[in-house]
Amino acid sequence: MSNAFNSVISQVVDLGIKAIETSEQFNDAYDIIIKKTGATGENLESFKESANNVYSELPTSLEDSATAVGEVNTKFALTGEELEEVSKMFIQFATINDTDVNNSIDTISQLMKQWNLNMENLPGLLGLITSNAQATGISVDSLISGMCELPII
């Protein structure tokens, strides 16, 4: 066999390996959604589509996209475009602040419940936390934790 033929075969094999690895990454991401939401059937397909949309629109990992979609649905009962938009907000928040997206969603949802905030308040709250973290040098996790400990008057 010629070197050119061997090179083509090697490239085809490499492509096949990458395709299998990519398929496994998608399956792992979808497993995250299933674990977080318990969704099956049409609901699961909708969440998969949302995770794929978020993943295609942001420079993020497939794992973070699936985590955000699953956790945002679980914490805020959102679906469709609203689920995707809020998931993107949390991924951007976590990326900017170098924090875990799952933890961010969890702690922010706790803070919103404690302070009786609704989804309309979310963008402002994320912005406020980010700007204060940047201004003070205090991590967002510490700021959120401190805010959760404040008494509600």
N, C-alpha and C. Protein backbone atom coordinates (compact mmCIF):
# COMPACT_ATOMS: atom_id res chain seq x y z
N MET A 1 0.84 -1.19 0.00
CA MET A 1 0.00 0.00 0.00
C MET A 1 0.88 1.25 0.00
N SER A 2 0.38 2.27 -0.63
CA SER A 2 1.16 3.50 -0.72
C SER A 2 1.01 4.33 0.55
N ASN A 3 1.95 5.22 0.73
CA ASN A 3 1.90 6.12 1.88
C ASN A 3 0.67 7.03 1.83
N ALA A 4 0.26 7.43 0.63
CA ALA A 4 -0.93 8.28 0.49
C ALA A 4 -2.18 7.54 0.96
N PHE A 5 -2.27 6.26 0.57
CA PHE A 5 -3.42 5.45 0.99
C PHE A 5 -3.42 5.28 2.51
N ASN A 6 -2.26 5.00 3.09
CA ASN A 6 -2.16 4.85 4.55
C ASN A 6 -2.54 6.14 5.26
N SER A 7 -2.15 7.26 4.67
CA SER A 7 -2.48 8.56 5.26
C SER A 7 -3.99 8.78 5.25
N VAL A 8 -4.64 8.44 4.14
CA VAL A 8 -6.09 8.60 4.04
C VAL A 8 -6.79 7.69 5.05
N ILE A 9 -6.35 6.46 5.16
CA ILE A 9 -6.93 5.52 6.12
C ILE A 9 -6.76 6.06 7.54
N SER A 10 -5.59 6.57 7.85
CA SER A 10 -5.32 7.12 9.18
C SER A 10 -6.25 8.30 9.47
N GLN A 11 -6.47 9.15 8.49
CA GLN A 11 -7.35 10.30 8.67
C GLN A 11 -8.80 9.86 8.88
N VAL A 12 -9.23 8.84 8.15
CA VAL A 12 -10.59 8.32 8.30
C VAL A 12 -10.77 7.72 9.70
N VAL A 13 -9.77 6.97 10.15
CA VAL A 13 -9.83 6.38 11.49
C VAL A 13 -9.88 7.48 12.54
N ASP A 14 -9.04 8.51 12.41
CA ASP A 14 -9.04 9.63 13.35
C ASP A 14 -10.40 10.33 13.37
N LEU A 15 -10.99 10.51 12.21
CA LEU A 15 -12.30 11.14 12.12
C LEU A 15 -13.35 10.29 12.82
N GLY A 16 -13.28 8.99 12.63
CA GLY A 16 -14.21 8.08 13.31
C GLY A 16 -14.07 8.14 14.82
N ILE A 17 -12.86 8.20 15.31
CA ILE A 17 -12.61 8.28 16.75
C ILE A 17 -13.17 9.59 17.30
N LYS A 18 -12.94 10.68 16.59
CA LYS A 18 -13.47 11.98 17.04
C LYS A 18 -15.00 11.99 17.03
N ALA A 19 -15.61 11.34 16.06
CA ALA A 19 -17.06 11.26 15.99
C ALA A 19 -17.61 10.49 17.19
N ILE A 20 -16.96 9.40 17.55
CA ILE A 20 -17.39 8.61 18.70
C ILE A 20 -17.23 9.42 19.98
N GLU A 21 -16.10 10.12 20.13
CA GLU A 21 -15.87 10.94 21.32
C GLU A 21 -16.92 12.04 21.43
N THR A 22 -17.26 12.68 20.31
CA THR A 22 -18.28 13.73 20.30
C THR A 22 -19.64 13.16 20.68
N SER A 23 -19.97 12.01 20.15
CA SER A 23 -21.23 11.36 20.49
C SER A 23 -21.30 11.06 21.98
N GLU A 24 -20.19 10.60 22.55
CA GLU A 24 -20.14 10.32 23.99
C GLU A 24 -20.32 11.59 24.81
N GLN A 25 -19.74 12.70 24.34
CA GLN A 25 -19.90 13.98 25.05
C GLN A 25 -21.37 14.41 25.06
N PHE A 26 -22.05 14.26 23.93
CA PHE A 26 -23.47 14.61 23.88
C PHE A 26 -24.28 13.69 24.79
N ASN A 27 -23.99 12.40 24.76
CA ASN A 27 -24.70 11.47 25.65
C ASN A 27 -24.48 11.82 27.11
N ASP A 28 -23.25 12.16 27.48
CA ASP A 28 -22.96 12.55 28.86
C ASP A 28 -23.72 13.82 29.24
N ALA A 29 -23.78 14.78 28.32
CA ALA A 29 -24.51 16.02 28.58
C ALA A 29 -26.00 15.74 28.76
N TYR A 30 -26.54 14.90 27.91
CA TYR A 30 -27.96 14.57 28.02
C TYR A 30 -28.26 13.81 29.31
N ASP A 31 -27.30 13.02 29.76
CA ASP A 31 -27.46 12.34 31.05
C ASP A 31 -27.57 13.34 32.19
N ILE A 32 -26.82 14.45 32.09
CA ILE A 32 -26.90 15.50 33.11
C ILE A 32 -28.32 16.06 33.16
N ILE A 33 -28.88 16.32 31.99
CA ILE A 33 -30.24 16.86 31.92
C ILE A 33 -31.23 15.88 32.53
N ILE A 34 -31.08 14.61 32.20
CA ILE A 34 -31.99 13.59 32.74
C ILE A 34 -31.90 13.54 34.26
N LYS A 35 -30.67 13.56 34.78
CA LYS A 35 -30.49 13.49 36.24
C LYS A 35 -31.08 14.71 36.93
N LYS A 36 -30.93 15.88 36.33
CA LYS A 36 -31.41 17.10 36.97
C LYS A 36 -32.93 17.27 36.87
N THR A 37 -33.49 16.86 35.73
CA THR A 37 -34.92 17.14 35.50
C THR A 37 -35.81 15.91 35.62
N GLY A 38 -35.25 14.74 35.42
CA GLY A 38 -36.06 13.53 35.39
C GLY A 38 -36.90 13.42 34.12
N ALA A 39 -36.60 14.28 33.14
CA ALA A 39 -37.40 14.35 31.92
C ALA A 39 -37.21 13.11 31.04
N THR A 40 -38.28 12.78 30.33
CA THR A 40 -38.26 11.71 29.34
C THR A 40 -39.07 12.17 28.13
N GLY A 41 -39.02 11.41 27.08
CA GLY A 41 -39.85 11.66 25.91
C GLY A 41 -39.71 13.04 25.32
N GLU A 42 -40.87 13.66 25.03
CA GLU A 42 -40.87 14.98 24.38
C GLU A 42 -40.22 16.05 25.26
N ASN A 43 -40.43 15.97 26.57
CA ASN A 43 -39.80 16.95 27.46
C ASN A 43 -38.28 16.86 27.38
N LEU A 44 -37.76 15.66 27.40
CA LEU A 44 -36.31 15.47 27.29
C LEU A 44 -35.80 16.00 25.96
N GLU A 45 -36.51 15.72 24.89
CA GLU A 45 -36.09 16.21 23.57
C GLU A 45 -36.06 17.73 23.54
N SER A 46 -37.02 18.36 24.19
CA SER A 46 -37.05 19.82 24.26
C SER A 46 -35.84 20.36 25.04
N PHE A 47 -35.50 19.70 26.15
CA PHE A 47 -34.34 20.13 26.94
C PHE A 47 -33.04 19.90 26.17
N LYS A 48 -32.97 18.81 25.44
CA LYS A 48 -31.78 18.54 24.61
C LYS A 48 -31.60 19.65 23.58
N GLU A 49 -32.71 20.01 22.94
CA GLU A 49 -32.67 21.09 21.94
C GLU A 49 -32.22 22.40 22.58
N SER A 50 -32.75 22.69 23.76
CA SER A 50 -32.34 23.92 24.45
C SER A 50 -30.85 23.90 24.78
N ALA A 51 -30.37 22.78 25.29
CA ALA A 51 -28.94 22.67 25.61
C ALA A 51 -28.09 22.83 24.35
N ASN A 52 -28.52 22.24 23.25
CA ASN A 52 -27.77 22.37 22.00
C ASN A 52 -27.78 23.82 21.52
N ASN A 53 -28.91 24.50 21.66
CA ASN A 53 -29.00 25.91 21.25
C ASN A 53 -28.07 26.78 22.09
N VAL A 54 -28.09 26.58 23.39
CA VAL A 54 -27.21 27.35 24.28
C VAL A 54 -25.75 27.07 23.93
N TYR A 55 -25.42 25.81 23.75
CA TYR A 55 -24.05 25.42 23.41
C TYR A 55 -23.59 26.05 22.10
N SER A 56 -24.48 26.15 21.13
CA SER A 56 -24.10 26.69 19.83
C SER A 56 -23.98 28.21 19.84
N GLU A 57 -24.58 28.86 20.84
CA GLU A 57 -24.59 30.32 20.88
C GLU A 57 -23.54 30.93 21.80
N LEU A 58 -22.93 30.13 22.66
CA LEU A 58 -21.95 30.66 23.61
C LEU A 58 -20.65 29.87 23.54
N PRO A 59 -19.56 30.53 23.88
CA PRO A 59 -18.30 29.78 24.01
C PRO A 59 -18.26 29.06 25.35
N THR A 60 -18.90 27.91 25.41
CA THR A 60 -19.02 27.16 26.65
C THR A 60 -18.90 25.68 26.34
N SER A 61 -18.79 24.89 27.37
CA SER A 61 -18.73 23.44 27.18
C SER A 61 -20.14 22.88 27.06
N LEU A 62 -20.24 21.75 26.44
CA LEU A 62 -21.52 21.06 26.34
C LEU A 62 -22.01 20.68 27.73
N GLU A 63 -21.09 20.31 28.61
CA GLU A 63 -21.45 19.96 29.99
C GLU A 63 -22.07 21.15 30.71
N ASP A 64 -21.46 22.33 30.60
CA ASP A 64 -22.02 23.51 31.26
C ASP A 64 -23.37 23.91 30.66
N SER A 65 -23.51 23.74 29.37
CA SER A 65 -24.78 24.03 28.72
C SER A 65 -25.88 23.13 29.26
N ALA A 66 -25.60 21.84 29.34
CA ALA A 66 -26.59 20.88 29.86
C ALA A 66 -26.87 21.12 31.34
N THR A 67 -25.81 21.43 32.09
CA THR A 67 -25.98 21.71 33.52
C THR A 67 -26.88 22.93 33.72
N ALA A 68 -26.61 23.98 32.96
CA ALA A 68 -27.42 25.20 33.09
C ALA A 68 -28.88 24.93 32.73
N VAL A 69 -29.11 24.27 31.63
CA VAL A 69 -30.49 23.99 31.20
C VAL A 69 -31.21 23.15 32.25
N GLY A 70 -30.56 22.09 32.72
CA GLY A 70 -31.19 21.22 33.71
C GLY A 70 -31.45 21.92 35.03
N GLU A 71 -30.46 22.68 35.50
CA GLU A 71 -30.59 23.34 36.80
C GLU A 71 -31.57 24.51 36.74
N VAL A 72 -31.53 25.29 35.67
CA VAL A 72 -32.46 26.42 35.54
C VAL A 72 -33.90 25.89 35.46
N ASN A 73 -34.10 24.81 34.72
CA ASN A 73 -35.45 24.23 34.67
C ASN A 73 -35.89 23.78 36.04
N THR A 74 -35.00 23.12 36.77
CA THR A 74 -35.35 22.59 38.09
C THR A 74 -35.62 23.70 39.10
N LYS A 75 -34.78 24.74 39.10
CA LYS A 75 -34.90 25.81 40.10
C LYS A 75 -35.99 26.83 39.76
N PHE A 76 -36.20 27.09 38.45
CA PHE A 76 -37.11 28.17 38.07
C PHE A 76 -38.30 27.70 37.23
N ALA A 77 -38.37 26.41 36.91
CA ALA A 77 -39.48 25.83 36.13
C ALA A 77 -39.66 26.51 34.78
N LEU A 78 -38.55 26.86 34.14
CA LEU A 78 -38.61 27.50 32.83
C LEU A 78 -38.44 26.47 31.73
N THR A 79 -38.99 26.78 30.56
CA THR A 79 -38.84 25.94 29.38
C THR A 79 -38.66 26.84 28.15
N GLY A 80 -38.35 26.23 27.05
CA GLY A 80 -38.28 26.94 25.78
C GLY A 80 -37.26 28.05 25.73
N GLU A 81 -37.63 29.13 25.05
CA GLU A 81 -36.72 30.26 24.86
C GLU A 81 -36.32 30.91 26.18
N GLU A 82 -37.26 31.00 27.11
CA GLU A 82 -36.95 31.61 28.40
C GLU A 82 -35.90 30.77 29.14
N LEU A 83 -36.02 29.46 29.08
CA LEU A 83 -35.03 28.56 29.66
C LEU A 83 -33.66 28.80 29.04
N GLU A 84 -33.62 28.92 27.74
CA GLU A 84 -32.36 29.14 27.04
C GLU A 84 -31.73 30.48 27.41
N GLU A 85 -32.54 31.53 27.45
CA GLU A 85 -32.01 32.86 27.76
C GLU A 85 -31.46 32.93 29.19
N VAL A 86 -32.19 32.37 30.14
CA VAL A 86 -31.72 32.39 31.53
C VAL A 86 -30.50 31.49 31.70
N SER A 87 -30.48 30.36 31.01
CA SER A 87 -29.30 29.48 31.05
C SER A 87 -28.08 30.22 30.53
N LYS A 88 -28.24 30.96 29.44
CA LYS A 88 -27.12 31.74 28.89
C LYS A 88 -26.66 32.80 29.88
N MET A 89 -27.62 33.47 30.55
CA MET A 89 -27.24 34.47 31.55
C MET A 89 -26.36 33.86 32.63
N PHE A 90 -26.77 32.70 33.13
CA PHE A 90 -26.01 32.06 34.19
C PHE A 90 -24.64 31.57 33.71
N ILE A 91 -24.56 31.07 32.50
CA ILE A 91 -23.26 30.64 31.97
C ILE A 91 -22.34 31.84 31.85
N GLN A 92 -22.85 32.94 31.32
CA GLN A 92 -22.05 34.16 31.20
C GLN A 92 -21.63 34.68 32.57
N PHE A 93 -22.55 34.67 33.52
CA PHE A 93 -22.25 35.10 34.88
C PHE A 93 -21.13 34.24 35.47
N ALA A 94 -21.25 32.93 35.33
CA ALA A 94 -20.24 32.02 35.88
C ALA A 94 -18.90 32.20 35.18
N THR A 95 -18.92 32.42 33.89
CA THR A 95 -17.68 32.60 33.14
C THR A 95 -16.99 33.90 33.55
N ILE A 96 -17.73 34.97 33.59
CA ILE A 96 -17.17 36.28 33.95
C ILE A 96 -16.59 36.25 35.36
N ASN A 97 -17.27 35.57 36.25
CA ASN A 97 -16.88 35.57 37.66
C ASN A 97 -16.05 34.36 38.07
N ASP A 98 -15.70 33.53 37.10
CA ASP A 98 -14.86 32.35 37.35
C ASP A 98 -15.43 31.50 38.49
N THR A 99 -16.71 31.15 38.33
CA THR A 99 -17.38 30.34 39.33
C THR A 99 -18.11 29.20 38.64
N ASP A 100 -18.55 28.23 39.40
CA ASP A 100 -19.24 27.07 38.87
C ASP A 100 -20.67 27.42 38.50
N VAL A 101 -21.09 27.06 37.29
CA VAL A 101 -22.43 27.43 36.83
C VAL A 101 -23.52 26.77 37.68
N ASN A 102 -23.35 25.52 38.05
CA ASN A 102 -24.35 24.84 38.87
C ASN A 102 -24.50 25.53 40.23
N ASN A 103 -23.38 25.83 40.86
CA ASN A 103 -23.40 26.49 42.16
C ASN A 103 -24.02 27.89 42.05
N SER A 104 -23.70 28.59 40.97
CA SER A 104 -24.26 29.93 40.77
C SER A 104 -25.78 29.88 40.68
N ILE A 105 -26.30 28.95 39.90
CA ILE A 105 -27.75 28.84 39.75
C ILE A 105 -28.39 28.49 41.09
N ASP A 106 -27.78 27.56 41.79
CA ASP A 106 -28.33 27.12 43.07
C ASP A 106 -28.36 28.26 44.09
N THR A 107 -27.25 28.95 44.26
CA THR A 107 -27.18 29.99 45.29
C THR A 107 -28.01 31.23 44.91
N ILE A 108 -28.01 31.58 43.63
CA ILE A 108 -28.82 32.73 43.20
C ILE A 108 -30.30 32.42 43.38
N SER A 109 -30.72 31.20 43.06
CA SER A 109 -32.13 30.85 43.25
C SER A 109 -32.52 30.91 44.72
N GLN A 110 -31.62 30.48 45.61
CA GLN A 110 -31.89 30.57 47.05
C GLN A 110 -32.03 32.03 47.47
N LEU A 111 -31.11 32.86 46.98
CA LEU A 111 -31.14 34.28 47.30
C LEU A 111 -32.44 34.92 46.79
N MET A 112 -32.85 34.58 45.59
CA MET A 112 -34.08 35.14 45.02
C MET A 112 -35.30 34.74 45.84
N LYS A 113 -35.35 33.50 46.28
CA LYS A 113 -36.47 33.04 47.11
C LYS A 113 -36.47 33.78 48.44
N GLN A 114 -35.29 33.88 49.05
CA GLN A 114 -35.17 34.53 50.35
C GLN A 114 -35.59 35.99 50.27
N TRP A 115 -35.22 36.67 49.21
CA TRP A 115 -35.52 38.08 49.07
C TRP A 115 -36.81 38.34 48.30
N ASN A 116 -37.53 37.27 47.96
CA ASN A 116 -38.79 37.37 47.24
C ASN A 116 -38.64 38.13 45.92
N LEU A 117 -37.60 37.77 45.16
CA LEU A 117 -37.35 38.37 43.85
C LEU A 117 -37.91 37.47 42.77
N ASN A 118 -38.29 38.07 41.64
CA ASN A 118 -38.80 37.27 40.53
C ASN A 118 -37.82 37.30 39.36
N MET A 119 -38.18 36.63 38.28
CA MET A 119 -37.27 36.50 37.14
C MET A 119 -36.93 37.85 36.50
N GLU A 120 -37.83 38.82 36.62
CA GLU A 120 -37.54 40.14 36.08
C GLU A 120 -36.36 40.80 36.80
N ASN A 121 -36.12 40.40 38.05
CA ASN A 121 -35.02 40.96 38.83
C ASN A 121 -33.68 40.29 38.54
N LEU A 122 -33.69 39.13 37.87
CA LEU A 122 -32.48 38.34 37.70
C LEU A 122 -31.34 39.09 36.98
N PRO A 123 -31.56 39.70 35.81
CA PRO A 123 -30.44 40.38 35.15
C PRO A 123 -29.79 41.45 36.04
N GLY A 124 -30.60 42.24 36.70
CA GLY A 124 -30.08 43.28 37.59
C GLY A 124 -29.31 42.70 38.76
N LEU A 125 -29.82 41.61 39.32
CA LEU A 125 -29.16 40.96 40.44
C LEU A 125 -27.81 40.40 40.03
N LEU A 126 -27.76 39.73 38.89
CA LEU A 126 -26.49 39.18 38.41
C LEU A 126 -25.49 40.31 38.14
N GLY A 127 -25.97 41.39 37.55
CA GLY A 127 -25.11 42.54 37.29
C GLY A 127 -24.60 43.19 38.56
N LEU A 128 -25.48 43.33 39.54
CA LEU A 128 -25.12 43.93 40.83
C LEU A 128 -24.05 43.10 41.53
N ILE A 129 -24.25 41.79 41.56
CA ILE A 129 -23.27 40.91 42.21
C ILE A 129 -21.94 40.98 41.48
N THR A 130 -21.97 40.94 40.17
CA THR A 130 -20.73 40.98 39.38
C THR A 130 -19.99 42.30 39.60
N SER A 131 -20.70 43.41 39.52
CA SER A 131 -20.02 44.71 39.68
C SER A 131 -19.45 44.88 41.08
N ASN A 132 -20.16 44.39 42.08
CA ASN A 132 -19.64 44.49 43.45
C ASN A 132 -18.45 43.56 43.67
N ALA A 133 -18.47 42.41 43.06
CA ALA A 133 -17.31 41.50 43.17
C ALA A 133 -16.09 42.14 42.51
N GLN A 134 -16.30 42.75 41.36
CA GLN A 134 -15.19 43.39 40.66
C GLN A 134 -14.68 44.61 41.43
N ALA A 135 -15.58 45.38 42.02
CA ALA A 135 -15.20 46.60 42.75
C ALA A 135 -14.49 46.29 44.06
N THR A 136 -14.89 45.19 44.71
CA THR A 136 -14.34 44.90 46.03
C THR A 136 -13.26 43.84 46.04
N GLY A 137 -13.21 43.02 44.98
CA GLY A 137 -12.27 41.91 44.96
C GLY A 137 -12.76 40.71 45.74
N ILE A 138 -13.97 40.78 46.27
CA ILE A 138 -14.57 39.66 47.00
C ILE A 138 -15.19 38.71 45.97
N SER A 139 -15.02 37.42 46.15
CA SER A 139 -15.57 36.46 45.19
C SER A 139 -17.09 36.53 45.20
N VAL A 140 -17.69 36.21 44.05
CA VAL A 140 -19.15 36.23 43.98
C VAL A 140 -19.75 35.21 44.93
N ASP A 141 -19.08 34.09 45.11
CA ASP A 141 -19.60 33.09 46.04
C ASP A 141 -19.67 33.64 47.46
N SER A 142 -18.65 34.39 47.87
CA SER A 142 -18.65 35.01 49.20
C SER A 142 -19.72 36.10 49.30
N LEU A 143 -19.86 36.88 48.23
CA LEU A 143 -20.89 37.93 48.24
C LEU A 143 -22.28 37.33 48.35
N ILE A 144 -22.55 36.31 47.56
CA ILE A 144 -23.87 35.69 47.60
C ILE A 144 -24.13 35.06 48.96
N SER A 145 -23.13 34.40 49.50
CA SER A 145 -23.27 33.79 50.82
C SER A 145 -23.58 34.85 51.86
N GLY A 146 -22.86 35.97 51.80
CA GLY A 146 -23.11 37.07 52.75
C GLY A 146 -24.49 37.67 52.57
N MET A 147 -24.95 37.78 51.33
CA MET A 147 -26.27 38.31 51.08
C MET A 147 -27.36 37.37 51.61
N CYS A 148 -27.12 36.09 51.53
CA CYS A 148 -28.10 35.10 52.05
C CYS A 148 -28.19 35.17 53.58
N GLU A 149 -27.13 35.64 54.21
CA GLU A 149 -27.12 35.72 55.67
C GLU A 149 -27.71 37.01 56.21
N LEU A 150 -27.95 37.99 55.32
CA LEU A 150 -28.51 39.26 55.78
C LEU A 150 -29.96 39.06 56.22
N PRO A 151 -30.36 39.70 57.30
CA PRO A 151 -31.76 39.57 57.72
C PRO A 151 -32.66 40.35 56.78
N ILE A 152 -33.81 39.81 56.52
CA ILE A 152 -34.81 40.48 55.68
C ILE A 152 -35.68 41.33 56.60
N ILE A 153 -35.76 42.60 56.27
CA ILE A 153 -36.52 43.54 57.10
C ILE A 153 -37.88 43.80 56.48
